[in-house]
Amino acid sequence: MIDETLLREAAATVAAIGPGDAALDALRRRWPDMRFTVCADDDVPARLAPAWSGVRFNLYLIGGGEHCLALTRDHDTAIGIVVATVAD
């Protein structure tokens, strides 16, 4: 589960470091049991609203089933975060 507090803290980490590999390393150190990945925001389906919008990045939730991962809007089933870099 990813609650608003965790999401806010993850967003603050990304905002302080900038989106990219350094932010992923920091997120993985802080929450080692969660999944994190980075991509370009235009790789995310336009119909999906971000769980958090920051300056130069958006955060999306990763939902996990038994076999497949997918983006989700459900905080209760979220197991990770996608850091999506927004181009200028």
C-alpha atoms as a PDB file:
ATOM      1  CA  MET A   1       0.000   0.000   0.000  1.00  0.00           C
ATOM      2  CA  ILE A   2       1.214   3.474  -0.849  1.00  0.00           C
ATOM      3  CA  ASP A   3      -0.487   6.131   1.227  1.00  0.00           C
ATOM      4  CA  GLU A   4      -0.396   9.897   0.701  1.00  0.00           C
ATOM      5  CA  THR A   5       2.422  10.350   3.221  1.00  0.00           C
ATOM      6  CA  LEU A   6       4.696   7.909   1.431  1.00  0.00           C
ATOM      7  CA  LEU A   7       3.812   9.427  -1.934  1.00  0.00           C
ATOM      8  CA  ARG A   8       4.550  12.931  -0.635  1.00  0.00           C
ATOM      9  CA  GLU A   9       7.909  11.787   0.787  1.00  0.00           C
ATOM     10  CA  ALA A  10       8.829  10.040  -2.463  1.00  0.00           C
ATOM     11  CA  ALA A  11       7.912  13.179  -4.417  1.00  0.00           C
ATOM     12  CA  ALA A  12      10.068  15.310  -2.084  1.00  0.00           C
ATOM     13  CA  THR A  13      12.997  12.950  -2.668  1.00  0.00           C
ATOM     14  CA  VAL A  14      12.613  13.163  -6.445  1.00  0.00           C
ATOM     15  CA  ALA A  15      12.172  16.955  -6.307  1.00  0.00           C
ATOM     16  CA  ALA A  16      15.354  17.353  -4.252  1.00  0.00           C
ATOM     17  CA  ILE A  17      17.507  15.099  -6.436  1.00  0.00           C
ATOM     18  CA  GLY A  18      15.786  15.415  -9.805  1.00  0.00           C
ATOM     19  CA  PRO A  19      14.128  12.612 -11.741  1.00  0.00           C
ATOM     20  CA  GLY A  20      16.491   9.889 -12.922  1.00  0.00           C
ATOM     21  CA  ASP A  21      18.781   7.152 -11.681  1.00  0.00           C
ATOM     22  CA  ALA A  22      20.032   9.049  -8.601  1.00  0.00           C
ATOM     23  CA  ALA A  23      16.441   9.488  -7.415  1.00  0.00           C
ATOM     24  CA  LEU A  24      15.729   5.798  -8.015  1.00  0.00           C
ATOM     25  CA  ASP A  25      18.764   4.852  -5.926  1.00  0.00           C
ATOM     26  CA  ALA A  26      17.587   7.109  -3.082  1.00  0.00           C
ATOM     27  CA  LEU A  27      14.026   5.758  -3.254  1.00  0.00           C
ATOM     28  CA  ARG A  28      15.248   2.155  -3.262  1.00  0.00           C
ATOM     29  CA  ARG A  29      17.480   2.780  -0.247  1.00  0.00           C
ATOM     30  CA  ARG A  30      14.608   4.374   1.683  1.00  0.00           C
ATOM     31  CA  TRP A  31      11.991   1.779   0.727  1.00  0.00           C
ATOM     32  CA  PRO A  32      13.907  -1.409  -0.188  1.00  0.00           C
ATOM     33  CA  ASP A  33      10.787  -3.599  -0.377  1.00  0.00           C
ATOM     34  CA  MET A  34       9.056  -1.447  -2.994  1.00  0.00           C
ATOM     35  CA  ARG A  35       9.485  -1.342  -6.755  1.00  0.00           C
ATOM     36  CA  PHE A  36      10.669   1.814  -8.498  1.00  0.00           C
ATOM     37  CA  THR A  37      11.345   2.556 -12.131  1.00  0.00           C
ATOM     38  CA  VAL A  38      11.849   5.596 -14.329  1.00  0.00           C
ATOM     39  CA  CYS A  39      10.525   6.430 -17.779  1.00  0.00           C
ATOM     40  CA  ALA A  40       9.526   9.400 -19.887  1.00  0.00           C
ATOM     41  CA  ASP A  41       6.095  10.785 -19.092  1.00  0.00           C
ATOM     42  CA  ASP A  42       5.068  10.492 -22.731  1.00  0.00           C
ATOM     43  CA  ASP A  43       5.556   6.704 -22.410  1.00  0.00           C
ATOM     44  CA  VAL A  44       2.635   6.576 -19.945  1.00  0.00           C
ATOM     45  CA  PRO A  45      -0.866   6.274 -21.423  1.00  0.00           C
ATOM     46  CA  ALA A  46      -2.449   9.730 -21.642  1.00  0.00           C
ATOM     47  CA  ARG A  47      -5.680   8.452 -20.080  1.00  0.00           C
ATOM     48  CA  LEU A  48      -3.912   7.747 -16.776  1.00  0.00           C
ATOM     49  CA  ALA A  49      -3.642  10.684 -14.394  1.00  0.00           C
ATOM     50  CA  PRO A  50      -0.515  10.826 -12.250  1.00  0.00           C
ATOM     51  CA  ALA A  51      -0.792  10.088  -8.545  1.00  0.00           C
ATOM     52  CA  TRP A  52       1.495  13.099  -7.966  1.00  0.00           C
ATOM     53  CA  SER A  53       2.684  15.919 -10.233  1.00  0.00           C
ATOM     54  CA  GLY A  54       5.947  17.705  -9.544  1.00  0.00           C
ATOM     55  CA  VAL A  55       8.241  20.059 -11.409  1.00  0.00           C
ATOM     56  CA  ARG A  56       9.705  18.075 -14.336  1.00  0.00           C
ATOM     57  CA  PHE A  57       8.247  14.762 -13.136  1.00  0.00           C
ATOM     58  CA  ASN A  58       5.052  12.841 -12.433  1.00  0.00           C
ATOM     59  CA  LEU A  59       4.613   9.844 -10.160  1.00  0.00           C
ATOM     60  CA  TYR A  60       2.412   6.914 -11.137  1.00  0.00           C
ATOM     61  CA  LEU A  61       1.518   3.880  -9.039  1.00  0.00           C
ATOM     62  CA  ILE A  62       2.533   0.337  -9.914  1.00  0.00           C
ATOM     63  CA  GLY A  63      -0.009  -2.331  -9.079  1.00  0.00           C
ATOM     64  CA  GLY A  64       1.066  -5.912  -8.671  1.00  0.00           C
ATOM     65  CA  GLY A  65      -0.894  -8.991  -9.337  1.00  0.00           C
ATOM     66  CA  GLU A  66       0.321 -12.509  -8.983  1.00  0.00           C
ATOM     67  CA  HIS A  67       2.227 -12.468 -12.290  1.00  0.00           C
ATOM     68  CA  CYS A  68       2.040  -9.090 -14.012  1.00  0.00           C
ATOM     69  CA  LEU A  69       2.720  -5.491 -13.105  1.00  0.00           C
ATOM     70  CA  ALA A  70       0.548  -2.654 -14.372  1.00  0.00           C
ATOM     71  CA  LEU A  71      -0.108   0.995 -13.657  1.00  0.00           C
ATOM     72  CA  THR A  72      -2.947   1.555 -11.213  1.00  0.00           C
ATOM     73  CA  ARG A  73      -4.851   4.322  -9.477  1.00  0.00           C
ATOM     74  CA  ASP A  74      -5.514   2.154  -6.436  1.00  0.00           C
ATOM     75  CA  HIS A  75      -3.290   3.167  -3.519  1.00  0.00           C
ATOM     76  CA  ASP A  76      -4.322   0.055  -1.559  1.00  0.00           C
ATOM     77  CA  THR A  77      -2.894  -2.386  -4.122  1.00  0.00           C
ATOM     78  CA  ALA A  78       0.094  -0.297  -5.217  1.00  0.00           C
ATOM     79  CA  ILE A  79       3.491  -1.912  -4.697  1.00  0.00           C
ATOM     80  CA  GLY A  80       5.715   0.673  -6.330  1.00  0.00           C
ATOM     81  CA  ILE A  81       6.135   3.981  -8.100  1.00  0.00           C
ATOM     82  CA  VAL A  82       7.045   5.024 -11.635  1.00  0.00           C
ATOM     83  CA  VAL A  83       9.024   8.263 -11.803  1.00  0.00           C
ATOM     84  CA  ALA A  84       8.064   9.746 -15.168  1.00  0.00           C
ATOM     85  CA  THR A  85      10.281  12.561 -16.441  1.00  0.00           C
ATOM     86  CA  VAL A  86       8.388  15.436 -18.053  1.00  0.00           C
ATOM     87  CA  ALA A  87      10.213  17.002 -21.002  1.00  0.00           C
ATOM     88  CA  ASP A  88      10.498  20.793 -21.222  1.00  0.00           C
END
